[in-house]
Protein backbone atom coordinates (compact mmCIF):
# COMPACT_ATOMS: atom_id res chain seq x y z
CA MET A 1 29.93 -35.24 21.51
CA ASN A 2 29.98 -37.44 18.45
CA ASN A 3 28.78 -36.28 14.96
CA LYS A 4 27.93 -38.28 12.06
CA THR A 5 26.61 -36.85 8.70
CA SER A 6 24.84 -38.81 5.92
CA ASP A 7 22.96 -37.95 2.96
CA LYS A 8 19.98 -37.46 4.34
CA ASN A 9 20.39 -36.47 8.10
CA SER A 10 22.68 -35.92 11.14
CA SER A 11 22.80 -37.42 14.32
CA THR A 12 24.25 -35.91 17.28
CA GLU A 13 24.64 -38.18 20.87
CA LEU A 14 23.77 -36.43 23.88
CA GLY A 15 24.16 -38.95 26.37
CA ASP A 16 21.67 -41.62 25.99
CA ARG A 17 19.30 -39.24 24.18
CA GLN A 18 20.11 -38.93 20.50
CA THR A 19 18.97 -35.99 18.38
CA VAL A 20 18.35 -36.10 14.37
CA SER A 21 19.33 -33.39 12.31
CA ILE A 22 17.44 -33.21 9.36
CA ILE A 23 19.11 -31.64 6.31
CA SER A 24 18.69 -32.25 2.29
CA SER A 25 22.62 -31.23 1.42
CA SER A 26 25.07 -32.82 3.44
CA HIS A 27 27.81 -31.19 1.50
CA LEU A 28 27.15 -28.01 2.89
CA ALA A 29 26.53 -29.37 6.47
CA ASP A 30 29.51 -29.55 8.99
CA GLU A 31 29.36 -29.30 12.61
CA ASN A 32 29.68 -25.33 12.37
CA SER A 33 26.78 -24.90 9.92
CA LEU A 34 24.55 -27.72 11.02
CA PRO A 35 22.09 -25.48 12.35
CA LEU A 36 21.30 -23.49 9.36
CA SER A 37 21.47 -26.29 6.74
CA GLU A 38 18.63 -27.60 9.61
CA PHE A 39 16.86 -24.27 9.20
CA GLU A 40 17.32 -24.19 5.13
CA TYR A 41 15.38 -27.27 5.13
CA ALA A 42 12.94 -26.60 7.17
CA LEU A 43 12.42 -23.20 5.22
CA THR A 44 12.58 -25.05 2.04
CA MET A 45 9.71 -27.19 3.52
CA VAL A 46 7.64 -24.66 5.03
CA ASN A 47 7.77 -22.23 1.89
CA ASN A 48 6.64 -25.20 -0.39
CA ALA A 49 3.76 -26.08 1.99
CA PHE A 50 2.88 -22.23 2.38
CA GLN A 51 2.66 -22.19 -1.26
CA ARG A 52 0.87 -25.29 -1.81
CA TRP A 53 -1.56 -24.19 0.37
CA MET A 54 -2.38 -20.81 -0.89
CA VAL A 55 -3.19 -22.38 -4.50
CA CYS A 56 -5.65 -25.04 -2.71
CA CYS A 57 -6.82 -22.18 -0.73
CA SER A 58 -7.15 -20.22 -4.12
CA ASN A 59 -8.78 -22.95 -6.04
CA SER A 60 -11.66 -23.57 -3.25
CA ALA A 61 -12.35 -19.67 -3.42
CA ASN A 62 -12.94 -20.11 -7.16
CA GLN A 63 -9.85 -18.78 -8.48
CA HIS A 64 -8.15 -21.72 -10.16
CA GLU A 65 -5.51 -20.17 -12.50
CA LEU A 66 -3.69 -18.17 -9.61
CA SER A 67 0.29 -18.89 -8.69
CA PRO A 68 1.49 -18.60 -5.05
CA LEU A 69 3.09 -15.26 -6.54
CA ASP A 70 -0.40 -14.18 -7.63
CA ILE A 71 -2.26 -14.89 -4.37
CA LEU A 72 0.72 -13.16 -2.73
CA ILE A 73 0.30 -10.11 -4.71
CA ILE A 74 -3.15 -9.56 -4.47
CA HIS A 75 -3.35 -9.99 -0.65
CA ASN A 76 -0.77 -7.43 -0.29
CA ILE A 77 -2.62 -4.93 -2.66
CA ASN A 78 -5.65 -5.37 -0.21
CA HIS A 79 -3.30 -4.61 2.72
CA ARG A 80 -4.72 -1.82 4.60
CA GLU A 81 -6.97 -1.23 1.37
CA ARG A 82 -4.40 1.32 -0.19
CA ALA A 83 -3.64 1.41 -3.51
CA LYS A 84 -0.22 0.67 -4.32
CA ARG A 85 2.37 0.72 -6.80
CA ILE A 86 4.37 -2.44 -8.99
CA ALA A 87 7.42 -1.02 -7.40
CA ASP A 88 5.79 -0.60 -3.70
CA VAL A 89 4.46 -4.41 -4.18
CA ALA A 90 7.93 -5.36 -4.94
CA PHE A 91 9.57 -3.89 -2.48
CA THR A 92 7.18 -4.94 0.35
CA LEU A 93 7.56 -8.75 -0.84
CA ASN A 94 11.23 -8.16 -1.13
CA ILE A 95 10.90 -9.13 -4.79
CA GLU A 96 14.07 -8.08 -6.88
CA ASP A 97 12.20 -8.76 -9.94
CA VAL A 98 9.69 -6.29 -10.43
CA HIS A 99 9.04 -7.61 -14.05
CA THR A 100 7.62 -10.59 -11.72
CA VAL A 101 5.16 -8.43 -10.31
CA SER A 102 4.27 -6.76 -13.27
CA TYR A 103 3.39 -9.84 -14.98
CA SER A 104 1.19 -11.06 -12.04
CA VAL A 105 -0.54 -7.68 -11.81
CA ARG A 106 -1.55 -7.77 -15.56
CA LYS A 107 -2.48 -11.52 -15.06
CA LEU A 108 -4.52 -10.31 -11.88
CA GLN A 109 -6.40 -7.41 -14.21
CA LYS A 110 -6.98 -10.04 -16.79
CA ALA A 111 -8.93 -11.99 -14.34
CA GLY A 112 -10.86 -9.09 -13.08
CA LEU A 113 -9.41 -9.26 -9.61
CA LEU A 114 -7.53 -5.82 -10.07
CA GLN A 115 -8.03 -2.34 -11.40
CA ALA A 116 -5.55 0.35 -12.28
CA THR A 117 -5.74 3.97 -11.58
CA LYS A 118 -3.38 6.57 -13.04
CA LYS A 119 -1.94 9.17 -10.50
CA GLY A 120 0.65 11.52 -12.48
CA LYS A 121 3.00 9.11 -13.97
CA ASP A 122 2.58 5.82 -11.64
CA ASN A 123 -0.42 3.61 -12.39
CA TYR A 124 -1.69 2.57 -8.59
CA TYR A 125 -3.46 -0.79 -8.21
CA SER A 126 -6.42 -1.76 -5.75
CA LEU A 127 -8.96 -4.56 -5.76
CA THR A 128 -12.34 -4.95 -7.77
CA GLU A 129 -15.22 -5.95 -6.25
CA ASN A 130 -14.46 -9.20 -7.60
CA GLY A 131 -10.69 -9.21 -6.07
CA LEU A 132 -12.22 -8.13 -2.85
CA GLU A 133 -14.69 -11.26 -3.00
CA PHE A 134 -11.74 -13.55 -3.52
CA CYS A 135 -9.70 -11.78 -0.52
CA ALA A 136 -12.68 -12.59 1.73
CA GLU A 137 -13.61 -16.00 0.68
CA TYR A 138 -9.83 -16.74 0.98
CA ARG A 139 -9.71 -15.47 4.38
CA LYS A 140 -13.11 -17.89 5.71
CA ILE A 141 -11.50 -20.91 4.27
CA ARG A 142 -7.91 -19.61 5.78
CA ASP A 143 -10.04 -19.64 9.12
CA GLN A 144 -11.94 -22.78 8.63
CA CYS A 145 -8.87 -24.81 7.45
CA LEU A 146 -5.65 -23.42 9.20
CA MET A 147 -6.69 -20.96 11.86
CA ARG A 148 -8.33 -23.95 13.99
CA SER A 149 -5.60 -26.02 14.42
CA MET A 150 -2.99 -23.12 14.88
CA GLU A 151 -5.37 -22.38 17.58
CA GLN A 152 -5.32 -26.02 18.94
CA LEU A 153 -1.53 -25.59 18.48
CA GLN A 154 -1.45 -22.57 20.86
CA LEU A 155 1.46 -21.64 18.50
CA ASP A 156 0.06 -17.56 18.55
CA SER A 157 2.94 -16.21 21.22
CA GLY A 158 6.12 -17.92 19.73
CA LEU A 159 4.92 -17.52 16.23
CA SER A 160 5.52 -14.08 16.18
CA ASP A 161 8.91 -14.61 17.76
CA VAL A 162 9.76 -16.72 15.03
CA ALA A 163 8.47 -14.29 12.61
CA ALA A 164 10.89 -11.45 14.17
CA MET A 165 13.41 -13.97 14.19
CA MET A 166 12.68 -14.74 9.96
CA ARG A 167 12.76 -11.15 8.96
CA THR A 168 15.92 -10.69 10.66
CA LEU A 169 17.40 -13.75 8.95
CA SER A 170 16.12 -12.44 5.49
CA GLY A 171 18.39 -8.96 6.10
CA LEU A 172 21.51 -11.87 6.87
CA TYR A 173 20.32 -13.28 3.76
CA ASP A 174 20.16 -10.21 1.61
CA GLN A 175 23.44 -8.92 2.81
CA ALA A 176 24.87 -12.40 2.01
CA SER A 177 23.68 -12.18 -1.74
CA ARG A 178 25.05 -8.82 -2.13
CA ALA A 179 28.47 -9.90 -0.85
CA ALA A 180 28.16 -12.97 -2.83
CA HIS A 181 27.43 -10.48 -5.90
CA SER A 182 30.39 -9.04 -5.26
CA LEU A 183 32.92 -11.55 -5.95
């Protein structure tokens, strides 16, 4: 097997067939870490495309000032129609900096999409009628623009497996973060 690495990609010859490994950082990829480098680049591309999609869908649902994090937070708070604390949202979305969630929640409140209810010492956040309408419109646009394409690709069963693997990998990255932090 012949491995060649360039700035943009790496090629591996397999008999008459040649596969191209697409990576973004050749200095991080060697023959042992090439699959990880491929995954990280693909994850970066998916993450950026997903964030762009969320903003475009939000704009189409008449919410033009929301960031990707704002959109994730409003959908998380809407999940199961249960009011949530900021700490719960941060934990569920695996966000370490609770202040970013706090800022986003205040922004969503100011936009009239969230409301707060005090229970004991904690504030619990839920969607206003405008917030519920936004989530419903977002879903309608998502179904129209994204779900139809997904159905044509027939990815449903395999996508659940990919999601499970990605959640497992998030744990490995968290563990590696703690290890790197202790160096």
